[in-house]
């Protein structure tokens, strides 16, 4: 499971990378020749880094979802009547909430 601290760090890193990319794009507008090529390369590096961080986050979230699905499946197979009871209870609560409106 992704901890809140890890999620916050990843989001902070992505925001920082996006701010850097924005700054580079603004600088490229006035740059020419070799300076423009250098800024373009820096932008590509920043975007590659952002893509990698988002890929890492996607893998972690996917792993977390698979683990939750596995745990749910195990629970339902071990305690089918409890799972049915929980489902009925949630259905009744949702029905009551919808009916109130």
PDB file of N, CA and C in Angstrom:
ATOM      1  N   UNK A   1       0.842  -1.172   0.000  1.00  0.00           N
ATOM      2  CA  UNK A   1       0.000   0.000   0.000  1.00  0.00           C
ATOM      3  C   UNK A   1       0.893   1.243   0.000  1.00  0.00           C
ATOM      4  N   UNK A   2       0.538   2.219  -0.795  1.00  0.00           N
ATOM      5  CA  UNK A   2       1.317   3.453  -0.877  1.00  0.00           C
ATOM      6  C   UNK A   2       0.998   4.306   0.342  1.00  0.00           C
ATOM      7  N   UNK A   3       2.040   4.696   1.051  1.00  0.00           N
ATOM      8  CA  UNK A   3       1.817   5.530   2.223  1.00  0.00           C
ATOM      9  C   UNK A   3       1.519   6.957   1.785  1.00  0.00           C
ATOM     10  N   UNK A   4       0.899   7.698   2.675  1.00  0.00           N
ATOM     11  CA  UNK A   4       0.560   9.090   2.380  1.00  0.00           C
ATOM     12  C   UNK A   4       1.822   9.903   2.132  1.00  0.00           C
ATOM     13  N   UNK A   5       2.881   9.627   2.871  1.00  0.00           N
ATOM     14  CA  UNK A   5       4.139  10.356   2.701  1.00  0.00           C
ATOM     15  C   UNK A   5       4.733  10.101   1.313  1.00  0.00           C
ATOM     16  N   UNK A   6       4.683   8.850   0.860  1.00  0.00           N
ATOM     17  CA  UNK A   6       5.203   8.513  -0.466  1.00  0.00           C
ATOM     18  C   UNK A   6       4.386   9.188  -1.552  1.00  0.00           C
ATOM     19  N   UNK A   7       3.069   9.164  -1.396  1.00  0.00           N
ATOM     20  CA  UNK A   7       2.188   9.796  -2.370  1.00  0.00           C
ATOM     21  C   UNK A   7       2.454  11.304  -2.436  1.00  0.00           C
ATOM     22  N   UNK A   8       2.602  11.937  -1.272  1.00  0.00           N
ATOM     23  CA  UNK A   8       2.878  13.377  -1.224  1.00  0.00           C
ATOM     24  C   UNK A   8       4.234  13.696  -1.865  1.00  0.00           C
ATOM     25  N   UNK A   9       5.247  12.849  -1.602  1.00  0.00           N
ATOM     26  CA  UNK A   9       6.572  13.061  -2.176  1.00  0.00           C
ATOM     27  C   UNK A   9       6.532  12.950  -3.695  1.00  0.00           C
ATOM     28  N   UNK A  10       5.826  11.941  -4.197  1.00  0.00           N
ATOM     29  CA  UNK A  10       5.708  11.763  -5.643  1.00  0.00           C
ATOM     30  C   UNK A  10       4.992  12.947  -6.283  1.00  0.00           C
ATOM     31  N   UNK A  11       3.916  13.387  -5.655  1.00  0.00           N
ATOM     32  CA  UNK A  11       3.180  14.524  -6.207  1.00  0.00           C
ATOM     33  C   UNK A  11       4.031  15.785  -6.168  1.00  0.00           C
ATOM     34  N   UNK A  12       4.794  15.965  -5.117  1.00  0.00           N
ATOM     35  CA  UNK A  12       5.692  17.119  -5.014  1.00  0.00           C
ATOM     36  C   UNK A  12       6.756  17.069  -6.104  1.00  0.00           C
ATOM     37  N   UNK A  13       7.319  15.881  -6.336  1.00  0.00           N
ATOM     38  CA  UNK A  13       8.327  15.714  -7.387  1.00  0.00           C
ATOM     39  C   UNK A  13       7.745  16.030  -8.761  1.00  0.00           C
ATOM     40  N   UNK A  14       6.546  15.554  -9.009  1.00  0.00           N
ATOM     41  CA  UNK A  14       5.917  15.793 -10.309  1.00  0.00           C
ATOM     42  C   UNK A  14       5.621  17.283 -10.483  1.00  0.00           C
ATOM     43  N   UNK A  15       5.119  17.931  -9.435  1.00  0.00           N
ATOM     44  CA  UNK A  15       4.841  19.375  -9.515  1.00  0.00           C
ATOM     45  C   UNK A  15       6.125  20.152  -9.779  1.00  0.00           C
ATOM     46  N   UNK A  16       7.206  19.755  -9.116  1.00  0.00           N
ATOM     47  CA  UNK A  16       8.493  20.411  -9.321  1.00  0.00           C
ATOM     48  C   UNK A  16       8.983  20.222 -10.752  1.00  0.00           C
ATOM     49  N   UNK A  17       8.859  19.008 -11.258  1.00  0.00           N
ATOM     50  CA  UNK A  17       9.270  18.740 -12.639  1.00  0.00           C
ATOM     51  C   UNK A  17       8.439  19.545 -13.626  1.00  0.00           C
ATOM     52  N   UNK A  18       7.155  19.657 -13.376  1.00  0.00           N
ATOM     53  CA  UNK A  18       6.292  20.423 -14.271  1.00  0.00           C
ATOM     54  C   UNK A  18       6.644  21.909 -14.216  1.00  0.00           C
ATOM     55  N   UNK A  19       6.966  22.425 -13.039  1.00  0.00           N
ATOM     56  CA  UNK A  19       7.370  23.828 -12.920  1.00  0.00           C
ATOM     57  C   UNK A  19       8.677  24.063 -13.684  1.00  0.00           C
ATOM     58  N   UNK A  20       9.625  23.130 -13.559  1.00  0.00           N
ATOM     59  CA  UNK A  20      10.884  23.236 -14.293  1.00  0.00           C
ATOM     60  C   UNK A  20      10.632  23.210 -15.799  1.00  0.00           C
ATOM     61  N   UNK A  21       9.746  22.324 -16.225  1.00  0.00           N
ATOM     62  CA  UNK A  21       9.437  22.227 -17.655  1.00  0.00           C
ATOM     63  C   UNK A  21       8.802  23.519 -18.162  1.00  0.00           C
ATOM     64  N   UNK A  22       7.925  24.097 -17.369  1.00  0.00           N
ATOM     65  CA  UNK A  22       7.290  25.359 -17.750  1.00  0.00           C
ATOM     66  C   UNK A  22       8.329  26.466 -17.885  1.00  0.00           C
ATOM     67  N   UNK A  23       9.257  26.511 -16.940  1.00  0.00           N
ATOM     68  CA  UNK A  23      10.324  27.520 -16.975  1.00  0.00           C
ATOM     69  C   UNK A  23      11.197  27.329 -18.221  1.00  0.00           C
ATOM     70  N   UNK A  24      11.505  26.093 -18.548  1.00  0.00           N
ATOM     71  CA  UNK A  24      12.337  25.805 -19.723  1.00  0.00           C
ATOM     72  C   UNK A  24      11.611  26.236 -21.001  1.00  0.00           C
ATOM     73  N   UNK A  25      10.324  25.932 -21.082  1.00  0.00           N
ATOM     74  CA  UNK A  25       9.559  26.314 -22.272  1.00  0.00           C
ATOM     75  C   UNK A  25       9.554  27.833 -22.433  1.00  0.00           C
ATOM     76  N   UNK A  26       9.381  28.553 -21.341  1.00  0.00           N
ATOM     77  CA  UNK A  26       9.405  30.014 -21.399  1.00  0.00           C
ATOM     78  C   UNK A  26      10.779  30.515 -21.849  1.00  0.00           C
ATOM     79  N   UNK A  27      11.842  29.888 -21.373  1.00  0.00           N
ATOM     80  CA  UNK A  27      13.199  30.276 -21.759  1.00  0.00           C
ATOM     81  C   UNK A  27      13.465  29.971 -23.221  1.00  0.00           C
ATOM     82  N   UNK A  28      12.869  28.901 -23.738  1.00  0.00           N
ATOM     83  CA  UNK A  28      13.093  28.504 -25.125  1.00  0.00           C
ATOM     84  C   UNK A  28      12.524  29.529 -26.112  1.00  0.00           C
ATOM     85  N   UNK A  29      11.511  30.259 -25.672  1.00  0.00           N
ATOM     86  CA  UNK A  29      10.880  31.233 -26.563  1.00  0.00           C
ATOM     87  C   UNK A  29      11.867  32.303 -27.009  1.00  0.00           C
ATOM     88  N   UNK A  30      12.815  32.652 -26.135  1.00  0.00           N
ATOM     89  CA  UNK A  30      13.775  33.703 -26.485  1.00  0.00           C
ATOM     90  C   UNK A  30      15.152  33.149 -26.867  1.00  0.00           C
ATOM     91  N   UNK A  31      15.337  31.838 -26.738  1.00  0.00           N
ATOM     92  CA  UNK A  31      16.639  31.238 -27.025  1.00  0.00           C
ATOM     93  C   UNK A  31      16.741  30.851 -28.502  1.00  0.00           C
ATOM     94  N   UNK A  32      17.975  30.856 -28.990  1.00  0.00           N
ATOM     95  CA  UNK A  32      18.218  30.443 -30.374  1.00  0.00           C
ATOM     96  C   UNK A  32      19.422  29.515 -30.428  1.00  0.00           C
ATOM     97  N   UNK A  33      19.518  28.783 -31.515  1.00  0.00           N
ATOM     98  CA  UNK A  33      20.711  27.960 -31.783  1.00  0.00           C
ATOM     99  C   UNK A  33      21.005  26.925 -30.730  1.00  0.00           C
ATOM    100  N   UNK A  34      22.254  26.935 -30.277  1.00  0.00           N
ATOM    101  CA  UNK A  34      22.734  25.933 -29.333  1.00  0.00           C
ATOM    102  C   UNK A  34      22.013  26.027 -27.993  1.00  0.00           C
ATOM    103  N   UNK A  35      21.694  27.234 -27.555  1.00  0.00           N
ATOM    104  CA  UNK A  35      20.986  27.430 -26.284  1.00  0.00           C
ATOM    105  C   UNK A  35      19.597  26.782 -26.355  1.00  0.00           C
ATOM    106  N   UNK A  36      18.909  26.930 -27.486  1.00  0.00           N
ATOM    107  CA  UNK A  36      17.589  26.322 -27.657  1.00  0.00           C
ATOM    108  C   UNK A  36      17.697  24.797 -27.634  1.00  0.00           C
ATOM    109  N   UNK A  37      18.717  24.257 -28.284  1.00  0.00           N
ATOM    110  CA  UNK A  37      18.921  22.805 -28.291  1.00  0.00           C
ATOM    111  C   UNK A  37      19.200  22.297 -26.878  1.00  0.00           C
ATOM    112  N   UNK A  38      20.009  23.045 -26.128  1.00  0.00           N
ATOM    113  CA  UNK A  38      20.331  22.668 -24.752  1.00  0.00           C
ATOM    114  C   UNK A  38      19.071  22.680 -23.884  1.00  0.00           C
ATOM    115  N   UNK A  39      18.250  23.719 -24.036  1.00  0.00           N
ATOM    116  CA  UNK A  39      17.010  23.797 -23.265  1.00  0.00           C
ATOM    117  C   UNK A  39      16.042  22.687 -23.671  1.00  0.00           C
ATOM    118  N   UNK A  40      16.002  22.372 -24.957  1.00  0.00           N
ATOM    119  CA  UNK A  40      15.150  21.285 -25.430  1.00  0.00           C
ATOM    120  C   UNK A  40      15.553  19.958 -24.825  1.00  0.00           C
ATOM    121  N   UNK A  41      16.847  19.710 -24.742  1.00  0.00           N
ATOM    122  CA  UNK A  41      17.337  18.471 -24.139  1.00  0.00           C
ATOM    123  C   UNK A  41      16.989  18.429 -22.649  1.00  0.00           C
ATOM    124  N   UNK A  42      17.126  19.551 -21.979  1.00  0.00           N
ATOM    125  CA  UNK A  42      16.791  19.620 -20.552  1.00  0.00           C
ATOM    126  C   UNK A  42      15.300  19.328 -20.359  1.00  0.00           C
ATOM    127  N   UNK A  43      14.482  19.859 -21.257  1.00  0.00           N
ATOM    128  CA  UNK A  43      13.041  19.609 -21.189  1.00  0.00           C
ATOM    129  C   UNK A  43      12.746  18.127 -21.393  1.00  0.00           C
ATOM    130  N   UNK A  44      13.398  17.500 -22.366  1.00  0.00           N
ATOM    131  CA  UNK A  44      13.191  16.073 -22.603  1.00  0.00           C
ATOM    132  C   UNK A  44      13.590  15.239 -21.385  1.00  0.00           C
ATOM    133  N   UNK A  45      14.676  15.611 -20.728  1.00  0.00           N
ATOM    134  CA  UNK A  45      15.123  14.886 -19.533  1.00  0.00           C
ATOM    135  C   UNK A  45      14.083  15.028 -18.419  1.00  0.00           C
ATOM    136  N   UNK A  46      13.580  16.242 -18.222  1.00  0.00           N
ATOM    137  CA  UNK A  46      12.580  16.471 -17.180  1.00  0.00           C
ATOM    138  C   UNK A  46      11.299  15.681 -17.466  1.00  0.00           C
ATOM    139  N   UNK A  47      10.860  15.685 -18.709  1.00  0.00           N
ATOM    140  CA  UNK A  47       9.647  14.957 -19.058  1.00  0.00           C
ATOM    141  C   UNK A  47       9.833  13.451 -18.915  1.00  0.00           C
ATOM    142  N   UNK A  48      11.012  12.958 -19.283  1.00  0.00           N
ATOM    143  CA  UNK A  48      11.310  11.533 -19.113  1.00  0.00           C
ATOM    144  C   UNK A  48      11.269  11.166 -17.627  1.00  0.00           C
ATOM    145  N   UNK A  49      11.833  12.032 -16.797  1.00  0.00           N
ATOM    146  CA  UNK A  49      11.833  11.786 -15.355  1.00  0.00           C
ATOM    147  C   UNK A  49      10.408  11.775 -14.811  1.00  0.00           C
ATOM    148  N   UNK A  50       9.588  12.716 -15.256  1.00  0.00           N
ATOM    149  CA  UNK A  50       8.197  12.772 -14.811  1.00  0.00           C
ATOM    150  C   UNK A  50       7.453  11.511 -15.240  1.00  0.00           C
ATOM    151  N   UNK A  51       7.688  11.068 -16.475  1.00  0.00           N
ATOM    152  CA  UNK A  51       7.044   9.866 -16.983  1.00  0.00           C
ATOM    153  C   UNK A  51       7.447   8.650 -16.137  1.00  0.00           C
ATOM    154  N   UNK A  52       8.720   8.560 -15.773  1.00  0.00           N
ATOM    155  CA  UNK A  52       9.189   7.437 -14.959  1.00  0.00           C
ATOM    156  C   UNK A  52       8.544   7.458 -13.577  1.00  0.00           C
ATOM    157  N   UNK A  53       8.463   8.642 -12.971  1.00  0.00           N
ATOM    158  CA  UNK A  53       7.847   8.746 -11.643  1.00  0.00           C
ATOM    159  C   UNK A  53       6.371   8.371 -11.696  1.00  0.00           C
ATOM    160  N   UNK A  54       5.680   8.815 -12.744  1.00  0.00           N
ATOM    161  CA  UNK A  54       4.272   8.463 -12.878  1.00  0.00           C
ATOM    162  C   UNK A  54       4.126   6.964 -13.144  1.00  0.00           C
ATOM    163  N   UNK A  55       5.050   6.379 -13.886  1.00  0.00           N
ATOM    164  CA  UNK A  55       5.027   4.935 -14.113  1.00  0.00           C
ATOM    165  C   UNK A  55       5.217   4.168 -12.818  1.00  0.00           C
ATOM    166  N   UNK A  56       6.139   4.646 -11.978  1.00  0.00           N
ATOM    167  CA  UNK A  56       6.350   4.013 -10.674  1.00  0.00           C
ATOM    168  C   UNK A  56       5.093   4.088  -9.826  1.00  0.00           C
ATOM    169  N   UNK A  57       4.445   5.242  -9.865  1.00  0.00           N
ATOM    170  CA  UNK A  57       3.227   5.421  -9.085  1.00  0.00           C
ATOM    171  C   UNK A  57       2.133   4.498  -9.619  1.00  0.00           C
ATOM    172  N   UNK A  58       2.042   4.372 -10.932  1.00  0.00           N
ATOM    173  CA  UNK A  58       1.031   3.498 -11.533  1.00  0.00           C
ATOM    174  C   UNK A  58       1.261   2.047 -11.118  1.00  0.00           C
ATOM    175  N   UNK A  59       2.505   1.610 -11.130  1.00  0.00           N
ATOM    176  CA  UNK A  59       2.821   0.240 -10.725  1.00  0.00           C
ATOM    177  C   UNK A  59       2.424   0.023  -9.268  1.00  0.00           C
ATOM    178  N   UNK A  60       2.741   0.987  -8.417  1.00  0.00           N
ATOM    179  CA  UNK A  60       2.411   0.848  -6.998  1.00  0.00           C
ATOM    180  C   UNK A  60       0.903   0.799  -6.783  1.00  0.00           C
ATOM    181  N   UNK A  61       0.168   1.649  -7.474  1.00  0.00           N
ATOM    182  CA  UNK A  61      -1.287   1.677  -7.330  1.00  0.00           C
ATOM    183  C   UNK A  61      -1.894   0.381  -7.874  1.00  0.00           C
ATOM    184  N   UNK A  62      -1.378  -0.103  -8.986  1.00  0.00           N
ATOM    185  CA  UNK A  62      -1.869  -1.359  -9.561  1.00  0.00           C
ATOM    186  C   UNK A  62      -1.617  -2.517  -8.608  1.00  0.00           C
ATOM    187  N   UNK A  63      -0.428  -2.565  -8.037  1.00  0.00           N
ATOM    188  CA  UNK A  63      -0.115  -3.620  -7.070  1.00  0.00           C
ATOM    189  C   UNK A  63      -1.042  -3.545  -5.864  1.00  0.00           C
ATOM    190  N   UNK A  64      -1.306  -2.326  -5.409  1.00  0.00           N
ATOM    191  CA  UNK A  64      -2.190  -2.122  -4.264  1.00  0.00           C
ATOM    192  C   UNK A  64      -3.612  -2.585  -4.596  1.00  0.00           C
ATOM    193  N   UNK A  65      -4.097  -2.275  -5.784  1.00  0.00           N
ATOM    194  CA  UNK A  65      -5.444  -2.685  -6.199  1.00  0.00           C
ATOM    195  C   UNK A  65      -5.530  -4.200  -6.319  1.00  0.00           C
ATOM    196  N   UNK A  66      -4.487  -4.823  -6.879  1.00  0.00           N
ATOM    197  CA  UNK A  66      -4.482  -6.282  -6.996  1.00  0.00           C
ATOM    198  C   UNK A  66      -4.493  -6.946  -5.621  1.00  0.00           C
ATOM    199  N   UNK A  67      -3.735  -6.395  -4.683  1.00  0.00           N
ATOM    200  CA  UNK A  67      -3.705  -6.944  -3.327  1.00  0.00           C
ATOM    201  C   UNK A  67      -5.075  -6.816  -2.663  1.00  0.00           C
ATOM    202  N   UNK A  68      -5.733  -5.679  -2.857  1.00  0.00           N
ATOM    203  CA  UNK A  68      -7.067  -5.476  -2.284  1.00  0.00           C
ATOM    204  C   UNK A  68      -8.069  -6.450  -2.909  1.00  0.00           C
ATOM    205  N   UNK A  69      -7.976  -6.655  -4.213  1.00  0.00           N
ATOM    206  CA  UNK A  69      -8.876  -7.587  -4.892  1.00  0.00           C
ATOM    207  C   UNK A  69      -8.636  -9.016  -4.397  1.00  0.00           C
ATOM    208  N   UNK A  70      -7.369  -9.379  -4.217  1.00  0.00           N
ATOM    209  CA  UNK A  70      -7.033 -10.711  -3.706  1.00  0.00           C
ATOM    210  C   UNK A  70      -7.582 -10.898  -2.292  1.00  0.00           C
ATOM    211  N   UNK A  71      -7.412  -9.881  -1.446  1.00  0.00           N
ATOM    212  CA  UNK A  71      -7.904  -9.965  -0.068  1.00  0.00           C
ATOM    213  C   UNK A  71      -9.425 -10.085  -0.048  1.00  0.00           C
ATOM    214  N   UNK A  72     -10.096  -9.331  -0.905  1.00  0.00           N
ATOM    215  CA  UNK A  72     -11.559  -9.405  -0.977  1.00  0.00           C
ATOM    216  C   UNK A  72     -11.997 -10.785  -1.448  1.00  0.00           C
ATOM    217  N   UNK A  73     -11.339 -11.293  -2.466  1.00  0.00           N
ATOM    218  CA  UNK A  73     -11.672 -12.617  -2.987  1.00  0.00           C
ATOM    219  C   UNK A  73     -11.470 -13.689  -1.912  1.00  0.00           C
ATOM    220  N   UNK A  74     -10.354 -13.601  -1.191  1.00  0.00           N
ATOM    221  CA  UNK A  74     -10.091 -14.564  -0.120  1.00  0.00           C
ATOM    222  C   UNK A  74     -11.173 -14.482   0.959  1.00  0.00           C
ATOM    223  N   UNK A  75     -11.546 -13.248   1.335  1.00  0.00           N
ATOM    224  CA  UNK A  75     -12.561 -13.063   2.366  1.00  0.00           C
ATOM    225  C   UNK A  75     -13.884 -13.678   1.940  1.00  0.00           C
ATOM    226  N   UNK A  76     -14.289 -13.431   0.691  1.00  0.00           N
ATOM    227  CA  UNK A  76     -15.564 -13.960   0.190  1.00  0.00           C
ATOM    228  C   UNK A  76     -15.540 -15.482   0.136  1.00  0.00           C
ATOM    229  N   UNK A  77     -14.415 -16.061  -0.260  1.00  0.00           N
ATOM    230  CA  UNK A  77     -14.331 -17.522  -0.321  1.00  0.00           C
ATOM    231  C   UNK A  77     -14.293 -18.156   1.071  1.00  0.00           C
ATOM    232  N   UNK A  78     -13.687 -17.484   2.024  1.00  0.00           N
ATOM    233  CA  UNK A  78     -13.595 -18.029   3.383  1.00  0.00           C
ATOM    234  C   UNK A  78     -14.889 -17.823   4.165  1.00  0.00           C
ATOM    235  N   UNK A  79     -15.585 -16.720   3.910  1.00  0.00           N
ATOM    236  CA  UNK A  79     -16.797 -16.383   4.668  1.00  0.00           C
ATOM    237  C   UNK A  79     -17.911 -15.929   3.708  1.00  0.00           C
ATOM    238  N   UNK A  80     -18.455 -16.840   2.913  1.00  0.00           N
ATOM    239  CA  UNK A  80     -19.439 -16.422   1.908  1.00  0.00           C
ATOM    240  C   UNK A  80     -20.704 -15.794   2.509  1.00  0.00           C
ATOM    241  N   UNK A  81     -21.210 -16.353   3.612  1.00  0.00           N
ATOM    242  CA  UNK A  81     -22.442 -15.818   4.186  1.00  0.00           C
ATOM    243  C   UNK A  81     -22.213 -14.459   4.844  1.00  0.00           C
ATOM    244  N   UNK A  82     -21.052 -14.266   5.383  1.00  0.00           N
ATOM    245  CA  UNK A  82     -20.728 -12.944   5.938  1.00  0.00           C
ATOM    246  C   UNK A  82     -20.679 -11.918   4.819  1.00  0.00           C
ATOM    247  N   UNK A  83     -20.074 -12.297   3.693  1.00  0.00           N
ATOM    248  CA  UNK A  83     -19.994 -11.387   2.544  1.00  0.00           C
ATOM    249  C   UNK A  83     -21.383 -11.063   2.018  1.00  0.00           C
ATOM    250  N   UNK A  84     -22.261 -12.086   1.956  1.00  0.00           N
ATOM    251  CA  UNK A  84     -23.631 -11.843   1.504  1.00  0.00           C
ATOM    252  C   UNK A  84     -24.335 -10.890   2.472  1.00  0.00           C
ATOM    253  N   UNK A  85     -24.167 -11.118   3.754  1.00  0.00           N
ATOM    254  CA  UNK A  85     -24.783 -10.250   4.772  1.00  0.00           C
ATOM    255  C   UNK A  85     -24.305  -8.805   4.655  1.00  0.00           C
ATOM    256  N   UNK A  86     -23.013  -8.631   4.435  1.00  0.00           N
ATOM    257  CA  UNK A  86     -22.467  -7.282   4.269  1.00  0.00           C
ATOM    258  C   UNK A  86     -23.055  -6.633   3.021  1.00  0.00           C
ATOM    259  N   UNK A  87     -23.139  -7.394   1.940  1.00  0.00           N
ATOM    260  CA  UNK A  87     -23.715  -6.866   0.698  1.00  0.00           C
ATOM    261  C   UNK A  87     -25.168  -6.457   0.879  1.00  0.00           C
ATOM    262  N   UNK A  88     -25.938  -7.290   1.580  1.00  0.00           N
ATOM    263  CA  UNK A  88     -27.343  -6.963   1.833  1.00  0.00           C
ATOM    264  C   UNK A  88     -27.443  -5.713   2.704  1.00  0.00           C
ATOM    265  N   UNK A  89     -26.618  -5.643   3.726  1.00  0.00           N
ATOM    266  CA  UNK A  89     -26.634  -4.469   4.609  1.00  0.00           C
ATOM    267  C   UNK A  89     -26.320  -3.183   3.857  1.00  0.00           C
ATOM    268  N   UNK A  90     -25.314  -3.224   3.022  1.00  0.00           N
ATOM    269  CA  UNK A  90     -24.958  -2.043   2.233  1.00  0.00           C
ATOM    270  C   UNK A  90     -26.094  -1.695   1.272  1.00  0.00           C
ATOM    271  N   UNK A  91     -26.699  -2.716   0.681  1.00  0.00           N
ATOM    272  CA  UNK A  91     -27.827  -2.484  -0.227  1.00  0.00           C
ATOM    273  C   UNK A  91     -29.000  -1.828   0.479  1.00  0.00           C
ATOM    274  N   UNK A  92     -29.300  -2.287   1.682  1.00  0.00           N
ATOM    275  CA  UNK A  92     -30.399  -1.694   2.452  1.00  0.00           C
ATOM    276  C   UNK A  92     -30.087  -0.237   2.793  1.00  0.00           C
ATOM    277  N   UNK A  93     -28.852   0.020   3.251  1.00  0.00           N
ATOM    278  CA  UNK A  93     -28.474   1.403   3.577  1.00  0.00           C
ATOM    279  C   UNK A  93     -28.567   2.314   2.356  1.00  0.00           C
ATOM    280  N   UNK A  94     -28.071   1.848   1.225  1.00  0.00           N
ATOM    281  CA  UNK A  94     -28.155   2.655   0.002  1.00  0.00           C
ATOM    282  C   UNK A  94     -29.608   2.870  -0.405  1.00  0.00           C
ATOM    283  N   UNK A  95     -30.419   1.833  -0.278  1.00  0.00           N
ATOM    284  CA  UNK A  95     -31.840   1.960  -0.596  1.00  0.00           C
ATOM    285  C   UNK A  95     -32.529   2.988   0.283  1.00  0.00           C
ATOM    286  N   UNK A  96     -32.213   2.967   1.580  1.00  0.00           N
ATOM    287  CA  UNK A  96     -32.790   3.951   2.496  1.00  0.00           C
ATOM    288  C   UNK A  96     -32.341   5.366   2.148  1.00  0.00           C
ATOM    289  N   UNK A  97     -31.069   5.524   1.836  1.00  0.00           N
ATOM    290  CA  UNK A  97     -30.554   6.852   1.481  1.00  0.00           C
ATOM    291  C   UNK A  97     -31.191   7.373   0.202  1.00  0.00           C
ATOM    292  N   UNK A  98     -31.328   6.511  -0.782  1.00  0.00           N
ATOM    293  CA  UNK A  98     -31.929   6.923  -2.054  1.00  0.00           C
ATOM    294  C   UNK A  98     -33.408   7.230  -1.872  1.00  0.00           C
ATOM    295  N   UNK A  99     -34.084   6.431  -1.061  1.00  0.00           N
ATOM    296  CA  UNK A  99     -35.514   6.597  -0.835  1.00  0.00           C
ATOM    297  C   UNK A  99     -35.817   7.900  -0.085  1.00  0.00           C
ATOM    298  N   UNK A 100     -34.900   8.374   0.735  1.00  0.00           N
ATOM    299  CA  UNK A 100     -35.120   9.619   1.503  1.00  0.00           C
ATOM    300  C   UNK A 100     -35.200  10.825   0.600  1.00  0.00           C
ATOM    301  N   UNK A 101     -34.576  10.758  -0.535  1.00  0.00           N
ATOM    302  CA  UNK A 101     -34.564  11.910  -1.440  1.00  0.00           C
ATOM    303  C   UNK A 101     -35.756  11.830  -2.293  1.00  0.00           C
TER     304      UNK A 101
END
